[in-house]
PDB file of all heavy atoms in Angstrom:
ATOM      1  N   ALA A   1      43.900 -42.705   5.747  1.00  0.00           N
ATOM      2  CA  ALA A   1      44.353 -43.034   7.095  1.00  0.00           C
ATOM      3  C   ALA A   1      44.056 -44.480   7.478  1.00  0.00           C
ATOM      4  O   ALA A   1      44.842 -45.124   8.164  1.00  0.00           O
ATOM      5  CB  ALA A   1      43.704 -42.085   8.112  1.00  0.00           C
ATOM      6  N   PHE A   2      42.901 -45.011   7.029  1.00  0.00           N
ATOM      7  CA  PHE A   2      42.517 -46.376   7.384  1.00  0.00           C
ATOM      8  C   PHE A   2      43.147 -47.411   6.452  1.00  0.00           C
ATOM      9  O   PHE A   2      43.295 -48.560   6.818  1.00  0.00           O
ATOM     10  CB  PHE A   2      40.989 -46.514   7.352  1.00  0.00           C
ATOM     11  CG  PHE A   2      40.272 -45.849   8.485  1.00  0.00           C
ATOM     12  CD1 PHE A   2      40.870 -44.867   9.267  1.00  0.00           C
ATOM     13  CD2 PHE A   2      38.961 -46.190   8.780  1.00  0.00           C
ATOM     14  CE1 PHE A   2      40.190 -44.239  10.303  1.00  0.00           C
ATOM     15  CE2 PHE A   2      38.274 -45.589   9.821  1.00  0.00           C
ATOM     16  CZ  PHE A   2      38.894 -44.609  10.579  1.00  0.00           C
ATOM     17  N   TYR A   3      43.456 -47.036   5.240  1.00  0.00           N
ATOM     18  CA  TYR A   3      44.237 -47.783   4.257  1.00  0.00           C
ATOM     19  C   TYR A   3      43.564 -49.012   3.670  1.00  0.00           C
ATOM     20  O   TYR A   3      43.453 -49.136   2.455  1.00  0.00           O
ATOM     21  CB  TYR A   3      45.599 -48.183   4.846  1.00  0.00           C
ATOM     22  CG  TYR A   3      46.650 -48.538   3.800  1.00  0.00           C
ATOM     23  CD1 TYR A   3      47.232 -47.544   3.035  1.00  0.00           C
ATOM     24  CD2 TYR A   3      47.062 -49.849   3.582  1.00  0.00           C
ATOM     25  CE1 TYR A   3      48.198 -47.847   2.065  1.00  0.00           C
ATOM     26  CE2 TYR A   3      48.021 -50.157   2.630  1.00  0.00           C
ATOM     27  CZ  TYR A   3      48.591 -49.157   1.881  1.00  0.00           C
ATOM     28  OH  TYR A   3      49.537 -49.477   0.936  1.00  0.00           O
ATOM     29  N   SER A   4      43.106 -49.940   4.482  1.00  0.00           N
ATOM     30  CA  SER A   4      42.694 -51.234   3.944  1.00  0.00           C
ATOM     31  C   SER A   4      41.255 -51.263   3.443  1.00  0.00           C
ATOM     32  O   SER A   4      40.846 -52.236   2.806  1.00  0.00           O
ATOM     33  CB  SER A   4      42.885 -52.333   4.992  1.00  0.00           C
ATOM     34  OG  SER A   4      41.985 -52.155   6.075  1.00  0.00           O
ATOM     35  N   PHE A   5      40.480 -50.219   3.718  1.00  0.00           N
ATOM     36  CA  PHE A   5      39.093 -50.204   3.282  1.00  0.00           C
ATOM     37  C   PHE A   5      38.973 -49.686   1.850  1.00  0.00           C
ATOM     38  O   PHE A   5      39.664 -48.752   1.448  1.00  0.00           O
ATOM     39  CB  PHE A   5      38.247 -49.323   4.201  1.00  0.00           C
ATOM     40  CG  PHE A   5      37.997 -49.924   5.557  1.00  0.00           C
ATOM     41  CD1 PHE A   5      38.862 -49.668   6.611  1.00  0.00           C
ATOM     42  CD2 PHE A   5      36.895 -50.733   5.788  1.00  0.00           C
ATOM     43  CE1 PHE A   5      38.646 -50.216   7.864  1.00  0.00           C
ATOM     44  CE2 PHE A   5      36.663 -51.286   7.035  1.00  0.00           C
ATOM     45  CZ  PHE A   5      37.540 -51.034   8.071  1.00  0.00           C
ATOM     46  N   SER A   6      38.058 -50.274   1.098  1.00  0.00           N
ATOM     47  CA  SER A   6      37.770 -49.800  -0.246  1.00  0.00           C
ATOM     48  C   SER A   6      37.251 -48.366  -0.186  1.00  0.00           C
ATOM     49  O   SER A   6      36.444 -48.031   0.686  1.00  0.00           O
ATOM     50  CB  SER A   6      36.728 -50.716  -0.887  1.00  0.00           C
ATOM     51  OG  SER A   6      35.744 -50.028  -1.547  1.00  0.00           O
ATOM     52  N   PRO A   7      37.713 -47.497  -1.095  1.00  0.00           N
ATOM     53  CA  PRO A   7      37.203 -46.120  -1.114  1.00  0.00           C
ATOM     54  C   PRO A   7      35.686 -46.056  -1.227  1.00  0.00           C
ATOM     55  O   PRO A   7      35.044 -45.190  -0.613  1.00  0.00           O
ATOM     56  CB  PRO A   7      37.887 -45.509  -2.343  1.00  0.00           C
ATOM     57  CG  PRO A   7      39.136 -46.298  -2.511  1.00  0.00           C
ATOM     58  CD  PRO A   7      38.776 -47.702  -2.098  1.00  0.00           C
ATOM     59  N   GLY A   8      35.109 -46.971  -2.007  1.00  0.00           N
ATOM     60  CA  GLY A   8      33.663 -46.980  -2.143  1.00  0.00           C
ATOM     61  C   GLY A   8      32.965 -47.269  -0.831  1.00  0.00           C
ATOM     62  O   GLY A   8      31.918 -46.669  -0.523  1.00  0.00           O
ATOM     63  N   MET A   9      33.530 -48.177  -0.041  1.00  0.00           N
ATOM     64  CA  MET A   9      32.926 -48.490   1.250  1.00  0.00           C
ATOM     65  C   MET A   9      33.022 -47.299   2.199  1.00  0.00           C
ATOM     66  O   MET A   9      32.051 -46.947   2.875  1.00  0.00           O
ATOM     67  CB  MET A   9      33.615 -49.705   1.875  1.00  0.00           C
ATOM     68  CG  MET A   9      33.031 -50.089   3.222  1.00  0.00           C
ATOM     69  SD  MET A   9      33.799 -51.571   3.906  1.00  0.00           S
ATOM     70  CE  MET A   9      32.912 -51.726   5.460  1.00  0.00           C
ATOM     71  N   VAL A  10      34.174 -46.661   2.236  1.00  0.00           N
ATOM     72  CA  VAL A  10      34.333 -45.494   3.111  1.00  0.00           C
ATOM     73  C   VAL A  10      33.334 -44.411   2.729  1.00  0.00           C
ATOM     74  O   VAL A  10      32.710 -43.780   3.596  1.00  0.00           O
ATOM     75  CB  VAL A  10      35.774 -44.963   3.050  1.00  0.00           C
ATOM     76  CG1 VAL A  10      35.906 -43.695   3.909  1.00  0.00           C
ATOM     77  CG2 VAL A  10      36.764 -46.016   3.522  1.00  0.00           C
ATOM     78  N   ALA A  11      33.167 -44.192   1.434  1.00  0.00           N
ATOM     79  CA  ALA A  11      32.258 -43.146   0.973  1.00  0.00           C
ATOM     80  C   ALA A  11      30.816 -43.406   1.392  1.00  0.00           C
ATOM     81  O   ALA A  11      30.033 -42.462   1.534  1.00  0.00           O
ATOM     82  CB  ALA A  11      32.353 -43.018  -0.545  1.00  0.00           C
ATOM     83  N   ARG A  12      30.458 -44.671   1.612  1.00  0.00           N
ATOM     84  CA  ARG A  12      29.093 -44.978   2.054  1.00  0.00           C
ATOM     85  C   ARG A  12      28.845 -44.549   3.494  1.00  0.00           C
ATOM     86  O   ARG A  12      27.700 -44.300   3.880  1.00  0.00           O
ATOM     87  CB  ARG A  12      28.813 -46.486   1.921  1.00  0.00           C
ATOM     88  CG  ARG A  12      28.676 -46.961   0.495  1.00  0.00           C
ATOM     89  CD  ARG A  12      27.957 -48.309   0.418  1.00  0.00           C
ATOM     90  NE  ARG A  12      28.686 -49.380   1.092  1.00  0.00           N
ATOM     91  CZ  ARG A  12      29.630 -50.117   0.523  1.00  0.00           C
ATOM     92  NH1 ARG A  12      30.000 -49.862  -0.721  1.00  0.00           N
ATOM     93  NH2 ARG A  12      30.211 -51.090   1.191  1.00  0.00           N
ATOM     94  N   TYR A  13      29.899 -44.488   4.281  1.00  0.00           N
ATOM     95  CA  TYR A  13      29.720 -44.247   5.709  1.00  0.00           C
ATOM     96  C   TYR A  13      30.311 -42.929   6.208  1.00  0.00           C
ATOM     97  O   TYR A  13      29.981 -42.489   7.313  1.00  0.00           O
ATOM     98  CB  TYR A  13      30.341 -45.397   6.512  1.00  0.00           C
ATOM     99  CG  TYR A  13      29.712 -46.729   6.212  1.00  0.00           C
ATOM    100  CD1 TYR A  13      30.397 -47.711   5.512  1.00  0.00           C
ATOM    101  CD2 TYR A  13      28.415 -47.001   6.614  1.00  0.00           C
ATOM    102  CE1 TYR A  13      29.809 -48.942   5.224  1.00  0.00           C
ATOM    103  CE2 TYR A  13      27.817 -48.227   6.334  1.00  0.00           C
ATOM    104  CZ  TYR A  13      28.526 -49.193   5.633  1.00  0.00           C
ATOM    105  OH  TYR A  13      27.932 -50.388   5.355  1.00  0.00           O
ATOM    106  N   VAL A  14      31.171 -42.307   5.434  1.00  0.00           N
ATOM    107  CA  VAL A  14      31.806 -41.054   5.851  1.00  0.00           C
ATOM    108  C   VAL A  14      31.346 -39.952   4.913  1.00  0.00           C
ATOM    109  O   VAL A  14      31.608 -40.003   3.706  1.00  0.00           O
ATOM    110  CB  VAL A  14      33.345 -41.176   5.819  1.00  0.00           C
ATOM    111  CG1 VAL A  14      33.985 -39.841   6.215  1.00  0.00           C
ATOM    112  CG2 VAL A  14      33.816 -42.293   6.746  1.00  0.00           C
ATOM    113  N   PRO A  15      30.656 -38.935   5.427  1.00  0.00           N
ATOM    114  CA  PRO A  15      30.145 -37.878   4.548  1.00  0.00           C
ATOM    115  C   PRO A  15      31.245 -36.956   4.048  1.00  0.00           C
ATOM    116  O   PRO A  15      32.280 -36.782   4.699  1.00  0.00           O
ATOM    117  CB  PRO A  15      29.168 -37.119   5.451  1.00  0.00           C
ATOM    118  CG  PRO A  15      29.680 -37.352   6.842  1.00  0.00           C
ATOM    119  CD  PRO A  15      30.255 -38.734   6.828  1.00  0.00           C
ATOM    120  N   ASP A  16      31.030 -36.375   2.875  1.00  0.00           N
ATOM    121  CA  ASP A  16      31.924 -35.338   2.378  1.00  0.00           C
ATOM    122  C   ASP A  16      31.840 -34.133   3.294  1.00  0.00           C
ATOM    123  O   ASP A  16      30.873 -33.965   4.057  1.00  0.00           O
ATOM    124  CB  ASP A  16      31.549 -34.931   0.956  1.00  0.00           C
ATOM    125  CG  ASP A  16      31.974 -35.965  -0.071  1.00  0.00           C
ATOM    126  OD1 ASP A  16      33.123 -36.433   0.011  1.00  0.00           O
ATOM    127  OD2 ASP A  16      31.161 -36.315  -0.943  1.00  0.00           O
ATOM    128  N   ALA A  17      32.851 -33.262   3.189  1.00  0.00           N
ATOM    129  CA  ALA A  17      32.907 -32.088   4.065  1.00  0.00           C
ATOM    130  C   ALA A  17      31.648 -31.228   3.951  1.00  0.00           C
ATOM    131  O   ALA A  17      31.197 -30.634   4.923  1.00  0.00           O
ATOM    132  CB  ALA A  17      34.153 -31.274   3.746  1.00  0.00           C
ATOM    133  N   GLY A  18      31.063 -31.176   2.760  1.00  0.00           N
ATOM    134  CA  GLY A  18      29.888 -30.337   2.571  1.00  0.00           C
ATOM    135  C   GLY A  18      28.587 -30.985   2.991  1.00  0.00           C
ATOM    136  O   GLY A  18      27.537 -30.332   2.998  1.00  0.00           O
ATOM    137  N   GLU A  19      28.623 -32.258   3.337  1.00  0.00           N
ATOM    138  CA  GLU A  19      27.414 -32.962   3.740  1.00  0.00           C
ATOM    139  C   GLU A  19      27.241 -32.916   5.251  1.00  0.00           C
ATOM    140  O   GLU A  19      28.204 -32.775   6.000  1.00  0.00           O
ATOM    141  CB  GLU A  19      27.476 -34.427   3.283  1.00  0.00           C
ATOM    142  CG  GLU A  19      27.596 -34.607   1.787  1.00  0.00           C
ATOM    143  CD  GLU A  19      27.754 -36.064   1.390  1.00  0.00           C
ATOM    144  OE1 GLU A  19      27.728 -36.927   2.284  1.00  0.00           O
ATOM    145  OE2 GLU A  19      27.922 -36.332   0.192  1.00  0.00           O
ATOM    146  N   SER A  20      26.022 -33.036   5.701  1.00  0.00           N
ATOM    147  CA  SER A  20      25.777 -33.019   7.144  1.00  0.00           C
ATOM    148  C   SER A  20      25.960 -34.422   7.715  1.00  0.00           C
ATOM    149  O   SER A  20      25.425 -35.394   7.187  1.00  0.00           O
ATOM    150  CB  SER A  20      24.359 -32.520   7.425  1.00  0.00           C
ATOM    151  OG  SER A  20      23.408 -33.356   6.810  1.00  0.00           O
ATOM    152  N   ALA A  21      26.738 -34.526   8.779  1.00  0.00           N
ATOM    153  CA  ALA A  21      26.943 -35.803   9.463  1.00  0.00           C
ATOM    154  C   ALA A  21      25.878 -35.969  10.532  1.00  0.00           C
ATOM    155  O   ALA A  21      25.184 -35.018  10.914  1.00  0.00           O
ATOM    156  CB  ALA A  21      28.333 -35.836  10.091  1.00  0.00           C
ATOM    157  N   ALA A  22      25.740 -37.184  11.027  1.00  0.00           N
ATOM    158  CA  ALA A  22      24.751 -37.450  12.071  1.00  0.00           C
ATOM    159  C   ALA A  22      25.063 -36.658  13.339  1.00  0.00           C
ATOM    160  O   ALA A  22      24.161 -36.257  14.069  1.00  0.00           O
ATOM    161  CB  ALA A  22      24.701 -38.942  12.378  1.00  0.00           C
ATOM    162  N   ALA A  23      26.344 -36.424  13.597  1.00  0.00           N
ATOM    163  CA  ALA A  23      26.753 -35.703  14.803  1.00  0.00           C
ATOM    164  C   ALA A  23      28.086 -35.020  14.539  1.00  0.00           C
ATOM    165  O   ALA A  23      28.833 -35.405  13.633  1.00  0.00           O
ATOM    166  CB  ALA A  23      26.862 -36.658  15.986  1.00  0.00           C
ATOM    167  N   THR A  24      28.410 -34.017  15.332  1.00  0.00           N
ATOM    168  CA  THR A  24      29.692 -33.338  15.197  1.00  0.00           C
ATOM    169  C   THR A  24      30.796 -34.220  15.766  1.00  0.00           C
ATOM    170  O   THR A  24      30.536 -35.082  16.624  1.00  0.00           O
ATOM    171  CB  THR A  24      29.697 -32.004  15.943  1.00  0.00           C
ATOM    172  OG1 THR A  24      29.623 -32.270  17.360  1.00  0.00           O
ATOM    173  CG2 THR A  24      28.520 -31.127  15.523  1.00  0.00           C
ATOM    174  N   PRO A  25      32.053 -34.018  15.327  1.00  0.00           N
ATOM    175  CA  PRO A  25      33.146 -34.786  15.920  1.00  0.00           C
ATOM    176  C   PRO A  25      33.209 -34.655  17.441  1.00  0.00           C
ATOM    177  O   PRO A  25      33.490 -35.629  18.140  1.00  0.00           O
ATOM    178  CB  PRO A  25      34.390 -34.200  15.243  1.00  0.00           C
ATOM    179  CG  PRO A  25      33.891 -33.730  13.908  1.00  0.00           C
ATOM    180  CD  PRO A  25      32.512 -33.198  14.188  1.00  0.00           C
ATOM    181  N   ALA A  26      32.938 -33.453  17.960  1.00  0.00           N
ATOM    182  CA  ALA A  26      32.974 -33.260  19.412  1.00  0.00           C
ATOM    183  C   ALA A  26      31.914 -34.100  20.103  1.00  0.00           C
ATOM    184  O   ALA A  26      32.162 -34.707  21.156  1.00  0.00           O
ATOM    185  CB  ALA A  26      32.777 -31.776  19.749  1.00  0.00           C
ATOM    186  N   ASP A  27      30.723 -34.151  19.514  1.00  0.00           N
ATOM    187  CA  ASP A  27      29.660 -34.976  20.094  1.00  0.00           C
ATOM    188  C   ASP A  27      30.031 -36.462  20.048  1.00  0.00           C
ATOM    189  O   ASP A  27      29.764 -37.213  20.995  1.00  0.00           O
ATOM    190  CB  ASP A  27      28.352 -34.757  19.340  1.00  0.00           C
ATOM    191  CG  ASP A  27      27.732 -33.395  19.615  1.00  0.00           C
ATOM    192  OD1 ASP A  27      28.082 -32.792  20.648  1.00  0.00           O
ATOM    193  OD2 ASP A  27      26.913 -32.945  18.792  1.00  0.00           O
ATOM    194  N   VAL A  28      30.649 -36.888  18.942  1.00  0.00           N
ATOM    195  CA  VAL A  28      31.051 -38.288  18.811  1.00  0.00           C
ATOM    196  C   VAL A  28      32.113 -38.640  19.843  1.00  0.00           C
ATOM    197  O   VAL A  28      32.061 -39.706  20.473  1.00  0.00           O
ATOM    198  CB  VAL A  28      31.549 -38.581  17.387  1.00  0.00           C
ATOM    199  CG1 VAL A  28      32.093 -40.003  17.287  1.00  0.00           C
ATOM    200  CG2 VAL A  28      30.426 -38.390  16.370  1.00  0.00           C
ATOM    201  N   LEU A  29      33.077 -37.741  20.045  1.00  0.00           N
ATOM    202  CA  LEU A  29      34.140 -38.017  21.007  1.00  0.00           C
ATOM    203  C   LEU A  29      33.592 -38.116  22.429  1.00  0.00           C
ATOM    204  O   LEU A  29      34.020 -38.975  23.212  1.00  0.00           O
ATOM    205  CB  LEU A  29      35.218 -36.933  20.929  1.00  0.00           C
ATOM    206  CG  LEU A  29      36.082 -36.963  19.666  1.00  0.00           C
ATOM    207  CD1 LEU A  29      36.955 -35.726  19.593  1.00  0.00           C
ATOM    208  CD2 LEU A  29      36.948 -38.222  19.631  1.00  0.00           C
ATOM    209  N   ALA A  30      32.646 -37.261  22.761  1.00  0.00           N
ATOM    210  CA  ALA A  30      32.036 -37.334  24.091  1.00  0.00           C
ATOM    211  C   ALA A  30      31.256 -38.631  24.251  1.00  0.00           C
ATOM    212  O   ALA A  30      31.344 -39.302  25.294  1.00  0.00           O
ATOM    213  CB  ALA A  30      31.123 -36.123  24.316  1.00  0.00           C
ATOM    214  N   ALA A  31      30.514 -38.999  23.215  1.00  0.00           N
ATOM    215  CA  ALA A  31      29.749 -40.247  23.271  1.00  0.00           C
ATOM    216  C   ALA A  31      30.674 -41.457  23.294  1.00  0.00           C
ATOM    217  O   ALA A  31      30.343 -42.488  23.898  1.00  0.00           O
ATOM    218  CB  ALA A  31      28.801 -40.326  22.075  1.00  0.00           C
ATOM    219  N   ARG A  32      31.823 -41.340  22.636  1.00  0.00           N
ATOM    220  CA  ARG A  32      32.787 -42.441  22.620  1.00  0.00           C
ATOM    221  C   ARG A  32      33.253 -42.756  24.039  1.00  0.00           C
ATOM    222  O   ARG A  32      33.331 -43.926  24.435  1.00  0.00           O
ATOM    223  CB  ARG A  32      33.973 -42.063  21.725  1.00  0.00           C
ATOM    224  CG  ARG A  32      34.926 -43.183  21.433  1.00  0.00           C
ATOM    225  CD  ARG A  32      35.923 -42.811  20.351  1.00  0.00           C
ATOM    226  NE  ARG A  32      37.047 -42.019  20.848  1.00  0.00           N
ATOM    227  CZ  ARG A  32      38.224 -41.909  20.213  1.00  0.00           C
ATOM    228  NH1 ARG A  32      38.418 -42.513  19.051  1.00  0.00           N
ATOM    229  NH2 ARG A  32      39.199 -41.172  20.715  1.00  0.00           N
ATOM    230  N   LEU A  33      33.566 -41.734  24.814  1.00  0.00           N
ATOM    231  CA  LEU A  33      33.988 -41.969  26.194  1.00  0.00           C
ATOM    232  C   LEU A  33      32.848 -42.521  27.043  1.00  0.00           C
ATOM    233  O   LEU A  33      33.067 -43.376  27.901  1.00  0.00           O
ATOM    234  CB  LEU A  33      34.540 -40.678  26.801  1.00  0.00           C
ATOM    235  CG  LEU A  33      35.957 -40.278  26.381  1.00  0.00           C
ATOM    236  CD1 LEU A  33      36.366 -38.983  27.082  1.00  0.00           C
ATOM    237  CD2 LEU A  33      36.960 -41.388  26.690  1.00  0.00           C
ATOM    238  N   ARG A  34      31.635 -42.035  26.802  1.00  0.00           N
ATOM    239  CA  ARG A  34      30.495 -42.597  27.547  1.00  0.00           C
ATOM    240  C   ARG A  34      30.324 -44.074  27.199  1.00  0.00           C
ATOM    241  O   ARG A  34      30.037 -44.902  28.072  1.00  0.00           O
ATOM    242  CB  ARG A  34      29.207 -41.836  27.205  1.00  0.00           C
ATOM    243  CG  ARG A  34      29.145 -40.422  27.746  1.00  0.00           C
ATOM    244  CD  ARG A  34      27.718 -39.890  27.718  1.00  0.00           C
ATOM    245  NE  ARG A  34      27.140 -39.854  26.367  1.00  0.00           N
ATOM    246  CZ  ARG A  34      27.243 -38.833  25.531  1.00  0.00           C
ATOM    247  NH1 ARG A  34      27.939 -37.745  25.883  1.00  0.00           N
ATOM    248  NH2 ARG A  34      26.670 -38.881  24.342  1.00  0.00           N
ATOM    249  N   ALA A  35      30.510 -44.406  25.927  1.00  0.00           N
ATOM    250  CA  ALA A  35      30.383 -45.799  25.496  1.00  0.00           C
ATOM    251  C   ALA A  35      31.438 -46.672  26.158  1.00  0.00           C
ATOM    252  O   ALA A  35      31.149 -47.786  26.608  1.00  0.00           O
ATOM    253  CB  ALA A  35      30.487 -45.881  23.976  1.00  0.00           C
ATOM    254  N   VAL A  36      32.673 -46.183  26.215  1.00  0.00           N
ATOM    255  CA  VAL A  36      33.746 -46.950  26.850  1.00  0.00           C
ATOM    256  C   VAL A  36      33.468 -47.108  28.342  1.00  0.00           C
ATOM    257  O   VAL A  36      33.649 -48.197  28.903  1.00  0.00           O
ATOM    258  CB  VAL A  36      35.108 -46.271  26.617  1.00  0.00           C
ATOM    259  CG1 VAL A  36      36.197 -46.973  27.417  1.00  0.00           C
ATOM    260  CG2 VAL A  36      35.459 -46.277  25.130  1.00  0.00           C
ATOM    261  N   ASP A  37      33.026 -46.047  28.980  1.00  0.00           N
ATOM    262  CA  ASP A  37      32.722 -46.108  30.406  1.00  0.00           C
ATOM    263  C   ASP A  37      31.675 -47.190  30.683  1.00  0.00           C
ATOM    264  O   ASP A  37      31.867 -48.071  31.541  1.00  0.00           O
ATOM    265  CB  ASP A  37      32.208 -44.745  30.877  1.00  0.00           C
ATOM    266  CG  ASP A  37      31.776 -44.767  32.329  1.00  0.00           C
ATOM    267  OD1 ASP A  37      32.587 -45.159  33.188  1.00  0.00           O
ATOM    268  OD2 ASP A  37      30.613 -44.403  32.610  1.00  0.00           O
ATOM    269  N   ARG A  38      30.599 -47.163  29.942  1.00  0.00           N
ATOM    270  CA  ARG A  38      29.523 -48.144  30.150  1.00  0.00           C
ATOM    271  C   ARG A  38      29.992 -49.558  29.800  1.00  0.00           C
ATOM    272  O   ARG A  38      29.667 -50.523  30.515  1.00  0.00           O
ATOM    273  CB  ARG A  38      28.316 -47.756  29.304  1.00  0.00           C
ATOM    274  CG  ARG A  38      27.635 -46.473  29.737  1.00  0.00           C
ATOM    275  CD  ARG A  38      26.498 -46.116  28.776  1.00  0.00           C
ATOM    276  NE  ARG A  38      25.503 -47.195  28.692  1.00  0.00           N
ATOM    277  CZ  ARG A  38      24.573 -47.262  27.742  1.00  0.00           C
ATOM    278  NH1 ARG A  38      24.520 -46.340  26.786  1.00  0.00           N
ATOM    279  NH2 ARG A  38      23.700 -48.258  27.751  1.00  0.00           N
ATOM    280  N   THR A  39      30.750 -49.667  28.720  1.00  0.00           N
ATOM    281  CA  THR A  39      31.215 -50.990  28.287  1.00  0.00           C
ATOM    282  C   THR A  39      32.177 -51.595  29.293  1.00  0.00           C
ATOM    283  O   THR A  39      32.062 -52.783  29.643  1.00  0.00           O
ATOM    284  CB  THR A  39      31.889 -50.885  26.909  1.00  0.00           C
ATOM    285  OG1 THR A  39      30.939 -50.416  25.956  1.00  0.00           O
ATOM    286  CG2 THR A  39      32.452 -52.219  26.464  1.00  0.00           C
ATOM    287  N   TYR A  40      33.136 -50.813  29.761  1.00  0.00           N
ATOM    288  CA  TYR A  40      34.101 -51.341  30.721  1.00  0.00           C
ATOM    289  C   TYR A  40      33.422 -51.740  32.027  1.00  0.00           C
ATOM    290  O   TYR A  40      33.777 -52.755  32.635  1.00  0.00           O
ATOM    291  CB  TYR A  40      35.198 -50.310  30.979  1.00  0.00           C
ATOM    292  CG  TYR A  40      36.371 -50.416  30.036  1.00  0.00           C
ATOM    293  CD1 TYR A  40      36.233 -50.901  28.740  1.00  0.00           C
ATOM    294  CD2 TYR A  40      37.645 -50.016  30.435  1.00  0.00           C
ATOM    295  CE1 TYR A  40      37.307 -50.996  27.880  1.00  0.00           C
ATOM    296  CE2 TYR A  40      38.737 -50.111  29.586  1.00  0.00           C
ATOM    297  CZ  TYR A  40      38.565 -50.589  28.313  1.00  0.00           C
ATOM    298  OH  TYR A  40      39.643 -50.680  27.461  1.00  0.00           O
ATOM    299  N   ARG A  41      32.453 -50.952  32.470  1.00  0.00           N
ATOM    300  CA  ARG A  41      31.744 -51.308  33.701  1.00  0.00           C
ATOM    301  C   ARG A  41      30.977 -52.617  33.519  1.00  0.00           C
ATOM    302  O   ARG A  41      30.897 -53.434  34.447  1.00  0.00           O
ATOM    303  CB  ARG A  41      30.809 -50.179  34.117  1.00  0.00           C
ATOM    304  CG  ARG A  41      31.549 -48.927  34.577  1.00  0.00           C
ATOM    305  CD  ARG A  41      30.604 -47.806  34.983  1.00  0.00           C
ATOM    306  NE  ARG A  41      31.330 -46.582  35.250  1.00  0.00           N
ATOM    307  CZ  ARG A  41      31.957 -46.289  36.389  1.00  0.00           C
ATOM    308  NH1 ARG A  41      31.905 -47.166  37.392  1.00  0.00           N
ATOM    309  NH2 ARG A  41      32.609 -45.151  36.549  1.00  0.00           N
ATOM    310  N   ALA A  42      30.424 -52.808  32.328  1.00  0.00           N
ATOM    311  CA  ALA A  42      29.656 -54.027  32.073  1.00  0.00           C
ATOM    312  C   ALA A  42      30.557 -55.235  31.864  1.00  0.00           C
ATOM    313  O   ALA A  42      30.255 -56.330  32.365  1.00  0.00           O
ATOM    314  CB  ALA A  42      28.770 -53.819  30.842  1.00  0.00           C
TER     315      ALA A  42
END
């Protein structure tokens, strides 16, 4: 989907499906909006 990144680089930062991520996608999406809210206000 991102296309221009080296597969090796992506693999360093994106876990395989069987690996545990730092947070769930739902948690990331909620935090993403909080980040935008704080950033835009600042």
